[in-house]
C-alpha cells in the first residue's frame, strides 16, 4: 500500500476478511482515516487499486459508487473505498495507493 505521503507499506499475516481500511488504520498508513468506521458513509479510506488487480478486486457496488461520486474531483476508474475491500488469499500482494484528500 502506498500512503498519502508516498511511503510504502507491506503487510504480512493479514487475516482473511479484514478490510483495507482496517489494515491501514492498524498500521498507521497516512491518509487512511476511516471516519465512519467502515460503514461506507464517508470517503476517508479512498484508494486507487492498481490496474493489474482490478479484475480480482472488482468494481464498487451502487452504494459505494454513490459515495465515491461525492469525491469526483479525485475519483479514478480504479477508485474503491478501502472499507469495502475485504482481504482474501486471492488478494495476496494487492497494490493500492491512498487517494489524495478531496474537498469532501
N, C-alpha and C. Protein backbone atom coordinates (compact mmCIF):
# COMPACT_ATOMS: atom_id res chain seq x y z
N UNK A 1 0.86 -1.17 0.00
CA UNK A 1 0.00 0.00 0.00
C UNK A 1 0.91 1.23 0.00
N UNK A 2 0.63 2.15 -0.91
CA UNK A 2 1.35 3.42 -0.95
C UNK A 2 0.47 4.45 -0.25
N UNK A 3 1.02 5.11 0.75
CA UNK A 3 0.22 6.05 1.53
C UNK A 3 0.16 7.44 0.89
N UNK A 4 -0.56 8.33 1.54
CA UNK A 4 -0.79 9.68 1.02
C UNK A 4 0.48 10.52 0.96
N UNK A 5 1.52 10.08 1.67
CA UNK A 5 2.79 10.82 1.67
C UNK A 5 3.84 10.16 0.77
N UNK A 6 3.43 9.09 0.06
CA UNK A 6 4.34 8.39 -0.85
C UNK A 6 5.10 7.25 -0.23
N UNK A 7 4.90 7.00 1.05
CA UNK A 7 5.55 5.87 1.71
C UNK A 7 4.89 4.56 1.33
N UNK A 8 5.65 3.50 1.34
CA UNK A 8 5.08 2.19 1.01
C UNK A 8 5.02 1.31 2.24
N UNK A 9 3.98 0.50 2.29
CA UNK A 9 3.74 -0.40 3.41
C UNK A 9 3.45 -1.79 2.87
N UNK A 10 4.10 -2.78 3.44
CA UNK A 10 3.86 -4.17 3.11
C UNK A 10 3.39 -4.87 4.37
N UNK A 11 2.36 -5.66 4.24
CA UNK A 11 1.79 -6.34 5.40
C UNK A 11 1.90 -7.84 5.21
N UNK A 12 2.18 -8.53 6.29
CA UNK A 12 2.22 -9.99 6.24
C UNK A 12 1.23 -10.53 7.26
N UNK A 13 0.89 -11.77 7.11
CA UNK A 13 -0.05 -12.43 8.02
C UNK A 13 -1.36 -11.65 8.16
N UNK A 14 -1.90 -11.22 7.03
CA UNK A 14 -3.16 -10.48 7.02
C UNK A 14 -4.31 -11.48 7.14
N UNK A 15 -5.16 -11.28 8.14
CA UNK A 15 -6.26 -12.20 8.32
C UNK A 15 -7.33 -12.01 7.26
N UNK A 16 -7.87 -13.13 6.80
CA UNK A 16 -8.92 -13.09 5.79
C UNK A 16 -10.13 -12.34 6.32
N UNK A 17 -10.71 -11.50 5.47
CA UNK A 17 -11.91 -10.75 5.83
C UNK A 17 -11.67 -9.36 6.35
N UNK A 18 -10.44 -9.04 6.76
CA UNK A 18 -10.14 -7.69 7.24
C UNK A 18 -10.22 -6.74 6.04
N UNK A 19 -10.71 -5.54 6.27
CA UNK A 19 -10.81 -4.57 5.18
C UNK A 19 -9.50 -3.81 5.00
N UNK A 20 -9.31 -3.27 3.82
CA UNK A 20 -8.13 -2.43 3.59
C UNK A 20 -8.12 -1.24 4.54
N UNK A 21 -9.28 -0.69 4.84
CA UNK A 21 -9.36 0.45 5.76
C UNK A 21 -8.86 0.04 7.14
N UNK A 22 -9.32 -1.11 7.65
CA UNK A 22 -8.87 -1.59 8.97
C UNK A 22 -7.36 -1.84 8.96
N UNK A 23 -6.88 -2.45 7.91
CA UNK A 23 -5.46 -2.74 7.78
C UNK A 23 -4.64 -1.46 7.80
N UNK A 24 -5.10 -0.46 7.05
CA UNK A 24 -4.40 0.82 7.01
C UNK A 24 -4.41 1.55 8.34
N UNK A 25 -5.54 1.55 9.00
CA UNK A 25 -5.63 2.23 10.31
C UNK A 25 -4.75 1.55 11.35
N UNK A 26 -4.79 0.23 11.38
CA UNK A 26 -3.98 -0.51 12.36
C UNK A 26 -2.49 -0.26 12.20
N UNK A 27 -2.10 0.03 10.98
CA UNK A 27 -0.67 0.16 10.68
C UNK A 27 -0.25 1.60 10.42
N UNK A 28 -1.09 2.57 10.77
CA UNK A 28 -0.72 3.97 10.68
C UNK A 28 -0.44 4.47 9.27
N UNK A 29 -1.19 3.98 8.29
CA UNK A 29 -0.99 4.41 6.91
C UNK A 29 -1.56 5.82 6.73
N UNK A 30 -0.69 6.75 6.35
CA UNK A 30 -1.10 8.15 6.16
C UNK A 30 -2.19 8.24 5.10
N UNK A 31 -3.27 8.92 5.44
CA UNK A 31 -4.38 9.14 4.51
C UNK A 31 -5.55 8.20 4.69
N UNK A 32 -5.38 7.13 5.46
CA UNK A 32 -6.48 6.21 5.74
C UNK A 32 -7.04 6.58 7.11
N UNK A 33 -8.18 7.29 7.10
CA UNK A 33 -8.77 7.70 8.36
C UNK A 33 -9.94 6.81 8.77
N UNK A 34 -10.80 6.47 7.83
CA UNK A 34 -11.94 5.61 8.15
C UNK A 34 -12.87 6.23 9.16
N UNK A 35 -13.21 7.50 8.94
CA UNK A 35 -14.03 8.25 9.91
C UNK A 35 -15.36 7.57 10.24
N UNK A 36 -15.96 6.87 9.28
CA UNK A 36 -17.27 6.26 9.53
C UNK A 36 -17.14 4.86 10.12
N UNK A 37 -15.92 4.40 10.31
CA UNK A 37 -15.71 3.09 10.90
C UNK A 37 -15.97 1.92 9.98
N UNK A 38 -16.07 2.18 8.71
CA UNK A 38 -16.27 1.09 7.75
C UNK A 38 -17.69 0.95 7.25
N UNK A 39 -18.51 1.96 7.48
CA UNK A 39 -19.91 1.90 7.10
C UNK A 39 -20.24 2.38 5.71
N UNK A 40 -19.23 2.65 4.89
CA UNK A 40 -19.45 3.15 3.53
C UNK A 40 -20.24 4.46 3.56
N UNK A 41 -19.95 5.29 4.57
CA UNK A 41 -20.68 6.54 4.74
C UNK A 41 -19.78 7.76 4.65
N UNK A 42 -18.53 7.57 4.26
CA UNK A 42 -17.61 8.68 4.04
C UNK A 42 -16.62 8.20 2.98
N UNK A 43 -15.67 8.99 2.67
CA UNK A 43 -14.67 8.57 1.67
C UNK A 43 -13.26 8.78 2.21
N UNK A 44 -13.11 8.63 3.52
CA UNK A 44 -11.80 8.87 4.12
C UNK A 44 -10.90 7.64 4.11
N UNK A 45 -11.28 6.65 3.31
CA UNK A 45 -10.44 5.47 3.08
C UNK A 45 -10.34 5.19 1.58
N UNK A 46 -10.50 6.23 0.79
CA UNK A 46 -10.49 6.14 -0.68
C UNK A 46 -9.11 5.70 -1.15
N UNK A 47 -9.09 4.66 -1.97
CA UNK A 47 -7.84 4.16 -2.54
C UNK A 47 -8.00 3.96 -4.04
N UNK A 48 -6.86 3.94 -4.72
CA UNK A 48 -6.81 3.58 -6.14
C UNK A 48 -6.20 2.18 -6.21
N UNK A 49 -6.94 1.28 -6.79
CA UNK A 49 -6.46 -0.09 -6.97
C UNK A 49 -5.57 -0.12 -8.21
N UNK A 50 -4.41 -0.74 -8.08
CA UNK A 50 -3.53 -0.91 -9.23
C UNK A 50 -4.30 -1.64 -10.32
N UNK A 51 -4.19 -1.16 -11.55
CA UNK A 51 -4.97 -1.72 -12.66
C UNK A 51 -4.77 -3.22 -12.82
N UNK A 52 -3.60 -3.74 -12.49
CA UNK A 52 -3.35 -5.18 -12.61
C UNK A 52 -4.21 -6.00 -11.66
N UNK A 53 -4.73 -5.37 -10.62
CA UNK A 53 -5.52 -6.05 -9.61
C UNK A 53 -7.02 -5.81 -9.75
N UNK A 54 -7.41 -4.94 -10.66
CA UNK A 54 -8.81 -4.51 -10.74
C UNK A 54 -9.78 -5.68 -10.91
N UNK A 55 -9.48 -6.62 -11.78
CA UNK A 55 -10.40 -7.73 -12.01
C UNK A 55 -10.58 -8.59 -10.76
N UNK A 56 -9.55 -8.74 -9.96
CA UNK A 56 -9.66 -9.54 -8.73
C UNK A 56 -10.41 -8.79 -7.64
N UNK A 57 -10.19 -7.48 -7.55
CA UNK A 57 -10.86 -6.67 -6.52
C UNK A 57 -12.31 -6.42 -6.92
N UNK A 58 -12.53 -6.09 -8.17
CA UNK A 58 -13.88 -5.84 -8.66
C UNK A 58 -14.33 -4.40 -8.48
N UNK A 59 -15.38 -4.08 -9.16
CA UNK A 59 -15.94 -2.72 -9.17
C UNK A 59 -16.79 -2.49 -7.92
N UNK A 60 -16.96 -1.22 -7.55
CA UNK A 60 -17.82 -0.91 -6.40
C UNK A 60 -19.29 -1.19 -6.72
N UNK A 61 -20.06 -1.49 -5.67
CA UNK A 61 -21.50 -1.63 -5.88
C UNK A 61 -22.11 -0.23 -5.95
N UNK A 62 -23.41 -0.15 -6.13
CA UNK A 62 -24.09 1.14 -6.32
C UNK A 62 -23.94 2.09 -5.13
N UNK A 63 -24.01 1.55 -3.92
CA UNK A 63 -23.89 2.39 -2.72
C UNK A 63 -22.49 2.97 -2.62
N UNK A 64 -21.50 2.12 -2.81
CA UNK A 64 -20.11 2.59 -2.76
C UNK A 64 -19.84 3.59 -3.87
N UNK A 65 -20.34 3.32 -5.06
CA UNK A 65 -20.12 4.25 -6.18
C UNK A 65 -20.73 5.62 -5.87
N UNK A 66 -21.90 5.63 -5.26
CA UNK A 66 -22.53 6.91 -4.91
C UNK A 66 -21.67 7.70 -3.94
N UNK A 67 -21.04 7.01 -2.98
CA UNK A 67 -20.15 7.69 -2.03
C UNK A 67 -18.91 8.19 -2.76
N UNK A 68 -18.35 7.38 -3.63
CA UNK A 68 -17.18 7.80 -4.40
C UNK A 68 -17.51 9.00 -5.29
N UNK A 69 -18.73 9.05 -5.80
CA UNK A 69 -19.15 10.14 -6.67
C UNK A 69 -19.08 11.48 -5.94
N UNK A 70 -19.14 11.46 -4.62
CA UNK A 70 -19.05 12.69 -3.84
C UNK A 70 -17.63 13.25 -3.82
N UNK A 71 -16.65 12.42 -4.20
CA UNK A 71 -15.25 12.87 -4.26
C UNK A 71 -14.79 12.85 -5.71
N UNK A 72 -15.69 13.24 -6.60
CA UNK A 72 -15.44 13.16 -8.04
C UNK A 72 -14.18 13.90 -8.46
N UNK A 73 -13.76 14.91 -7.69
CA UNK A 73 -12.57 15.67 -8.06
C UNK A 73 -11.30 14.82 -7.99
N UNK A 74 -11.31 13.72 -7.26
CA UNK A 74 -10.14 12.86 -7.18
C UNK A 74 -10.46 11.40 -7.54
N UNK A 75 -11.67 11.14 -8.00
CA UNK A 75 -12.07 9.79 -8.35
C UNK A 75 -11.43 9.35 -9.65
N UNK A 76 -11.04 8.07 -9.72
CA UNK A 76 -10.49 7.47 -10.93
C UNK A 76 -11.29 6.22 -11.27
N UNK A 77 -11.02 5.66 -12.43
CA UNK A 77 -11.70 4.43 -12.84
C UNK A 77 -11.43 3.27 -11.89
N UNK A 78 -10.31 3.32 -11.18
CA UNK A 78 -9.96 2.23 -10.27
C UNK A 78 -10.16 2.61 -8.80
N UNK A 79 -11.01 3.59 -8.54
CA UNK A 79 -11.29 4.02 -7.16
C UNK A 79 -12.15 3.00 -6.44
N UNK A 80 -11.79 2.77 -5.18
CA UNK A 80 -12.59 1.95 -4.27
C UNK A 80 -12.48 2.57 -2.88
N UNK A 81 -13.43 2.25 -2.04
CA UNK A 81 -13.33 2.61 -0.63
C UNK A 81 -12.68 1.43 0.08
N UNK A 82 -11.63 1.70 0.82
CA UNK A 82 -10.90 0.63 1.48
C UNK A 82 -11.76 -0.19 2.43
N UNK A 83 -12.79 0.42 2.99
CA UNK A 83 -13.66 -0.30 3.92
C UNK A 83 -14.49 -1.36 3.21
N UNK A 84 -14.60 -1.27 1.91
CA UNK A 84 -15.43 -2.20 1.16
C UNK A 84 -14.62 -3.30 0.47
N UNK A 85 -13.30 -3.24 0.60
CA UNK A 85 -12.43 -4.26 0.01
C UNK A 85 -11.97 -5.18 1.14
N UNK A 86 -12.41 -6.41 1.10
CA UNK A 86 -12.06 -7.40 2.13
C UNK A 86 -10.94 -8.28 1.63
N UNK A 87 -9.94 -8.45 2.46
CA UNK A 87 -8.78 -9.24 2.08
C UNK A 87 -9.12 -10.72 2.01
N UNK A 88 -8.47 -11.39 1.07
CA UNK A 88 -8.65 -12.82 0.86
C UNK A 88 -7.35 -13.35 0.28
N UNK A 89 -7.17 -14.66 0.26
CA UNK A 89 -5.95 -15.22 -0.33
C UNK A 89 -5.76 -14.78 -1.79
N UNK A 90 -6.84 -14.54 -2.51
CA UNK A 90 -6.75 -14.10 -3.90
C UNK A 90 -6.16 -12.70 -4.03
N UNK A 91 -6.17 -11.94 -2.94
CA UNK A 91 -5.65 -10.57 -2.97
C UNK A 91 -4.26 -10.46 -2.34
N UNK A 92 -3.60 -11.58 -2.12
CA UNK A 92 -2.25 -11.56 -1.58
C UNK A 92 -1.34 -10.80 -2.55
N UNK A 93 -0.70 -9.75 -2.07
CA UNK A 93 0.16 -8.92 -2.91
C UNK A 93 -0.55 -7.72 -3.51
N UNK A 94 -1.80 -7.51 -3.17
CA UNK A 94 -2.60 -6.40 -3.70
C UNK A 94 -1.85 -5.07 -3.60
N UNK A 95 -1.89 -4.30 -4.67
CA UNK A 95 -1.25 -2.98 -4.71
C UNK A 95 -2.32 -1.91 -4.82
N UNK A 96 -2.33 -0.99 -3.86
CA UNK A 96 -3.24 0.14 -3.87
C UNK A 96 -2.47 1.40 -3.46
N UNK A 97 -3.01 2.55 -3.84
CA UNK A 97 -2.45 3.84 -3.46
C UNK A 97 -3.56 4.64 -2.80
N UNK A 98 -3.28 5.22 -1.66
CA UNK A 98 -4.24 6.07 -0.96
C UNK A 98 -4.48 7.32 -1.82
N UNK A 99 -5.74 7.62 -2.06
CA UNK A 99 -6.10 8.80 -2.85
C UNK A 99 -5.82 10.07 -2.04
N UNK A 100 -5.51 11.16 -2.74
CA UNK A 100 -5.31 12.42 -2.01
C UNK A 100 -6.64 12.90 -1.41
N UNK A 101 -6.55 13.67 -0.36
CA UNK A 101 -7.76 14.22 0.27
C UNK A 101 -8.47 15.10 -0.73
N UNK A 102 -9.78 15.05 -0.69
CA UNK A 102 -10.56 15.88 -1.61
C UNK A 102 -11.26 16.96 -0.81
N UNK A 103 -12.08 17.71 -1.48
CA UNK A 103 -12.85 18.76 -0.83
C UNK A 103 -14.05 18.24 -0.09
N UNK A 104 -14.25 16.92 -0.01
CA UNK A 104 -15.40 16.30 0.62
C UNK A 104 -15.47 16.61 2.09
